[in-house]
C-alpha atoms as a PDB file:
ATOM      1  CA  MET A   1       7.440 -13.298 -19.085  1.00  0.00           C
ATOM      2  CA  CYS A   2       8.245 -14.806 -15.734  1.00  0.00           C
ATOM      3  CA  LEU A   3       9.397 -12.653 -12.820  1.00  0.00           C
ATOM      4  CA  ARG A   4      12.932 -14.065 -13.008  1.00  0.00           C
ATOM      5  CA  GLN A   5      13.387 -13.254 -16.617  1.00  0.00           C
ATOM      6  CA  LEU A   6      11.954  -9.651 -15.842  1.00  0.00           C
ATOM      7  CA  GLN A   7      14.684  -9.393 -12.924  1.00  0.00           C
ATOM      8  CA  PHE A   8      17.487 -10.468 -15.398  1.00  0.00           C
ATOM      9  CA  LEU A   9      16.336  -7.765 -18.104  1.00  0.00           C
ATOM     10  CA  TRP A  10      15.555  -5.145 -15.397  1.00  0.00           C
ATOM     11  CA  PRO A  11      19.146  -3.578 -15.298  1.00  0.00           C
ATOM     12  CA  LEU A  12      19.495  -3.505 -19.120  1.00  0.00           C
ATOM     13  CA  LEU A  13      16.197  -1.984 -19.588  1.00  0.00           C
ATOM     14  CA  PHE A  14      16.951   0.643 -16.819  1.00  0.00           C
ATOM     15  CA  LEU A  15      20.325   1.428 -18.502  1.00  0.00           C
ATOM     16  CA  THR A  16      18.657   1.983 -21.926  1.00  0.00           C
ATOM     17  CA  LEU A  17      15.794   4.073 -20.562  1.00  0.00           C
ATOM     18  CA  THR A  18      17.872   6.267 -18.478  1.00  0.00           C
ATOM     19  CA  ALA A  19      20.685   7.111 -20.727  1.00  0.00           C
ATOM     20  CA  CYS A  20      19.182  10.382 -21.594  1.00  0.00           C
ATOM     21  CA  VAL A  21      17.892  11.224 -18.126  1.00  0.00           C
ATOM     22  CA  THR A  22      19.536  14.534 -16.625  1.00  0.00           C
ATOM     23  CA  ALA A  23      18.425  14.011 -12.707  1.00  0.00           C
ATOM     24  CA  ASP A  24      19.528  10.943 -10.685  1.00  0.00           C
ATOM     25  CA  PRO A  25      16.466   8.834 -10.564  1.00  0.00           C
ATOM     26  CA  THR A  26      17.514   6.954  -7.448  1.00  0.00           C
ATOM     27  CA  LYS A  27      17.883  10.436  -5.292  1.00  0.00           C
ATOM     28  CA  ASP A  28      15.555  10.109  -2.240  1.00  0.00           C
ATOM     29  CA  VAL A  29      13.863   6.910  -3.607  1.00  0.00           C
ATOM     30  CA  GLU A  30      13.737   5.572   0.030  1.00  0.00           C
ATOM     31  CA  LEU A  31      11.125   8.160   0.653  1.00  0.00           C
ATOM     32  CA  THR A  32       8.734   6.326  -1.739  1.00  0.00           C
ATOM     33  CA  TRP A  33       9.120   3.248   0.451  1.00  0.00           C
ATOM     34  CA  GLU A  34       8.999   4.955   3.846  1.00  0.00           C
ATOM     35  CA  GLU A  35       5.796   6.971   2.878  1.00  0.00           C
ATOM     36  CA  ALA A  36       4.214   3.622   1.186  1.00  0.00           C
ATOM     37  CA  TYR A  37       0.689   2.992   1.925  1.00  0.00           C
ATOM     38  CA  VAL A  38       0.709  -0.757   3.398  1.00  0.00           C
ATOM     39  CA  ARG A  39      -2.372  -3.196   3.882  1.00  0.00           C
ATOM     40  CA  ILE A  40      -1.815  -6.730   5.135  1.00  0.00           C
ATOM     41  CA  PRO A  41      -4.731  -9.165   5.357  1.00  0.00           C
ATOM     42  CA  GLY A  42      -6.064  -9.280   8.874  1.00  0.00           C
ATOM     43  CA  LEU A  43      -4.301  -6.439  10.160  1.00  0.00           C
ATOM     44  CA  LEU A  44      -5.361  -2.709  10.477  1.00  0.00           C
ATOM     45  CA  PRO A  45      -3.664  -0.572   8.177  1.00  0.00           C
ATOM     46  CA  VAL A  46       0.094  -0.694   8.616  1.00  0.00           C
ATOM     47  CA  VAL A  47       1.036   2.871   9.881  1.00  0.00           C
ATOM     48  CA  LYS A  48       4.446   3.779   8.984  1.00  0.00           C
ATOM     49  CA  GLU A  49       5.585   4.922  12.483  1.00  0.00           C
ATOM     50  CA  HIS A  50       4.667   1.255  13.629  1.00  0.00           C
ATOM     51  CA  ARG A  51       5.474  -0.869  10.492  1.00  0.00           C
ATOM     52  CA  ALA A  52       8.430  -2.594  11.794  1.00  0.00           C
ATOM     53  CA  ARG A  53       6.780  -3.594  15.134  1.00  0.00           C
ATOM     54  CA  GLN A  54       3.373  -4.707  13.311  1.00  0.00           C
ATOM     55  CA  LEU A  55       5.587  -6.840  10.668  1.00  0.00           C
ATOM     56  CA  ALA A  56       7.712  -8.323  13.723  1.00  0.00           C
ATOM     57  CA  GLU A  57       4.316  -9.367  15.618  1.00  0.00           C
ATOM     58  CA  LEU A  58       3.217 -11.776  12.809  1.00  0.00           C
ATOM     59  CA  PRO A  59       3.454 -15.286  13.611  1.00  0.00           C
ATOM     60  CA  PRO A  60       6.659 -16.784  12.395  1.00  0.00           C
ATOM     61  CA  GLY A  61       6.307 -18.305   9.011  1.00  0.00           C
ATOM     62  CA  THR A  62       3.573 -16.032   8.040  1.00  0.00           C
ATOM     63  CA  THR A  63       3.670 -15.192   4.499  1.00  0.00           C
ATOM     64  CA  PHE A  64       1.398 -13.283   1.803  1.00  0.00           C
ATOM     65  CA  PRO A  65       1.357 -12.990  -1.839  1.00  0.00           C
ATOM     66  CA  THR A  66       2.360  -9.311  -2.409  1.00  0.00           C
ATOM     67  CA  LEU A  67       1.084  -6.805  -4.934  1.00  0.00           C
ATOM     68  CA  ILE A  68       3.155  -3.512  -5.377  1.00  0.00           C
ATOM     69  CA  TYR A  69       0.725  -0.910  -6.320  1.00  0.00           C
ATOM     70  CA  MET A  70       2.005   2.068  -8.441  1.00  0.00           C
ATOM     71  CA  HIS A  71      -0.346   4.911  -8.529  1.00  0.00           C
ATOM     72  CA  GLY A  72      -0.802   7.102 -11.584  1.00  0.00           C
ATOM     73  CA  SER A  73       0.063  10.763 -12.171  1.00  0.00           C
ATOM     74  CA  GLY A  74      -2.338  11.846  -9.586  1.00  0.00           C
ATOM     75  CA  GLU A  75      -1.133   9.940  -6.485  1.00  0.00           C
ATOM     76  CA  LEU A  76      -3.577   7.625  -4.465  1.00  0.00           C
ATOM     77  CA  TRP A  77      -7.112   8.836  -5.095  1.00  0.00           C
ATOM     78  CA  PRO A  78     -10.179   7.271  -3.606  1.00  0.00           C
ATOM     79  CA  GLY A  79     -10.610   4.667  -6.358  1.00  0.00           C
ATOM     80  CA  ALA A  80      -6.982   3.362  -5.663  1.00  0.00           C
ATOM     81  CA  TYR A  81      -7.828   2.744  -1.944  1.00  0.00           C
ATOM     82  CA  LYS A  82     -10.938   0.608  -3.098  1.00  0.00           C
ATOM     83  CA  ASP A  83      -8.687  -1.317  -5.475  1.00  0.00           C
ATOM     84  CA  ILE A  84      -6.236  -1.978  -2.518  1.00  0.00           C
ATOM     85  CA  ALA A  85      -8.973  -3.064  -0.318  1.00  0.00           C
ATOM     86  CA  VAL A  86     -10.265  -5.554  -2.798  1.00  0.00           C
ATOM     87  CA  ALA A  87      -6.715  -7.082  -3.157  1.00  0.00           C
ATOM     88  CA  GLU A  88      -6.408  -7.355   0.576  1.00  0.00           C
ATOM     89  CA  LYS A  89      -9.835  -8.961   0.863  1.00  0.00           C
ATOM     90  CA  ALA A  90      -8.450 -11.384  -1.686  1.00  0.00           C
ATOM     91  CA  GLY A  91      -5.490 -12.282   0.679  1.00  0.00           C
ATOM     92  CA  LEU A  92      -2.772 -10.070  -0.858  1.00  0.00           C
ATOM     93  CA  ALA A  93      -0.527  -7.832   1.056  1.00  0.00           C
ATOM     94  CA  VAL A  94      -0.432  -4.587  -0.779  1.00  0.00           C
ATOM     95  CA  ILE A  95       2.358  -2.000  -0.960  1.00  0.00           C
ATOM     96  CA  ALA A  96       1.378   1.372  -2.583  1.00  0.00           C
ATOM     97  CA  ILE A  97       4.674   3.215  -2.940  1.00  0.00           C
ATOM     98  CA  ASN A  98       4.279   7.040  -3.020  1.00  0.00           C
ATOM     99  CA  SER A  99       6.060   8.600  -5.736  1.00  0.00           C
ATOM    100  CA  TYR A 100       5.290  11.994  -4.725  1.00  0.00           C
ATOM    101  CA  ALA A 101       7.131  11.552  -1.309  1.00  0.00           C
ATOM    102  CA  ARG A 102      10.092  12.927  -3.049  1.00  0.00           C
ATOM    103  CA  ASP A 103      10.745  15.799  -5.707  1.00  0.00           C
ATOM    104  CA  ARG A 104       9.832  14.888  -9.076  1.00  0.00           C
ATOM    105  CA  PRO A 105       8.881  16.841 -12.155  1.00  0.00           C
ATOM    106  CA  LYS A 106       5.211  17.669 -12.831  1.00  0.00           C
ATOM    107  CA  ASN A 107       3.700  15.324 -15.217  1.00  0.00           C
ATOM    108  CA  PRO A 108       2.299  17.415 -17.952  1.00  0.00           C
ATOM    109  CA  GLY A 109      -0.911  15.110 -18.302  1.00  0.00           C
ATOM    110  CA  GLN A 110      -1.877  16.192 -14.857  1.00  0.00           C
ATOM    111  CA  ASN A 111      -3.233  19.721 -16.160  1.00  0.00           C
ATOM    112  CA  LEU A 112      -5.173  18.919 -19.302  1.00  0.00           C
ATOM    113  CA  ALA A 113      -5.547  22.746 -20.119  1.00  0.00           C
ATOM    114  CA  SER A 114      -1.952  22.999 -20.538  1.00  0.00           C
ATOM    115  CA  SER A 115       0.018  22.082 -23.749  1.00  0.00           C
ATOM    116  CA  CYS A 116       3.674  20.882 -23.904  1.00  0.00           C
ATOM    117  CA  ASP A 117       5.341  21.131 -27.349  1.00  0.00           C
ATOM    118  CA  ASN A 118       8.220  18.927 -26.398  1.00  0.00           C
ATOM    119  CA  CYS A 119       6.899  16.525 -23.335  1.00  0.00           C
ATOM    120  CA  TRP A 120       9.216  13.628 -24.079  1.00  0.00           C
ATOM    121  CA  HIS A 121      11.968  14.770 -21.710  1.00  0.00           C
ATOM    122  CA  ILE A 122       9.598  15.107 -18.880  1.00  0.00           C
ATOM    123  CA  TYR A 123       8.053  11.767 -19.339  1.00  0.00           C
ATOM    124  CA  ARG A 124      11.551  10.241 -19.787  1.00  0.00           C
ATOM    125  CA  GLU A 125      12.462  11.640 -16.478  1.00  0.00           C
ATOM    126  CA  ILE A 126       9.231  10.449 -14.712  1.00  0.00           C
ATOM    127  CA  PHE A 127       9.730   6.953 -16.196  1.00  0.00           C
ATOM    128  CA  ALA A 128      13.288   6.608 -14.832  1.00  0.00           C
ATOM    129  CA  LEU A 129      12.161   7.785 -11.445  1.00  0.00           C
ATOM    130  CA  ARG A 130       9.339   5.230 -11.416  1.00  0.00           C
ATOM    131  CA  THR A 131      11.566   2.456 -12.608  1.00  0.00           C
ATOM    132  CA  ALA A 132      13.971   3.337  -9.729  1.00  0.00           C
ATOM    133  CA  GLU A 133      11.176   3.268  -7.296  1.00  0.00           C
ATOM    134  CA  LEU A 134      10.022  -0.105  -8.365  1.00  0.00           C
ATOM    135  CA  ALA A 135      13.608  -1.506  -8.330  1.00  0.00           C
ATOM    136  CA  TYR A 136      14.032  -0.110  -4.813  1.00  0.00           C
ATOM    137  CA  THR A 137      10.687  -1.512  -3.760  1.00  0.00           C
ATOM    138  CA  LEU A 138      11.485  -4.918  -5.181  1.00  0.00           C
ATOM    139  CA  GLN A 139      14.736  -5.120  -3.092  1.00  0.00           C
ATOM    140  CA  LYS A 140      12.809  -3.933   0.190  1.00  0.00           C
ATOM    141  CA  VAL A 141      10.143  -6.471  -0.227  1.00  0.00           C
ATOM    142  CA  ARG A 142      12.524  -9.425  -0.430  1.00  0.00           C
ATOM    143  CA  HIS A 143      13.715  -8.631   3.049  1.00  0.00           C
ATOM    144  CA  LEU A 144      10.165  -8.602   4.474  1.00  0.00           C
ATOM    145  CA  PRO A 145       8.915 -11.702   6.585  1.00  0.00           C
END
């Protein structure tokens, strides 16, 4: 499925999957963007405090194919940074949004010793949060140089 088709279907998918979600999946979503780990080929890691300046200093017309990296339930772990470095070396700008920058329910899968008789409501909430994070990130990426 091409990206344009996905963009068209996205609102329908979001409405369908969030119909039973109790929390607002867009609350504090901007924090996931603000706390993102960003790498751009040829630059030192883009530090959030200097992100706007670093991006503004890129030569006019500079563009990069961009990868939006969404971590699993355990945040960015050392293997994720290796994956991001490989993508950057291949010429991709990488934006790894940080889902844990905002309040969210704990993923029952994080603690393998625990059991959860009815985990579906938690997974549904997390899926709604992650979907909102991706939608917000796509909006922000469109405005990058």
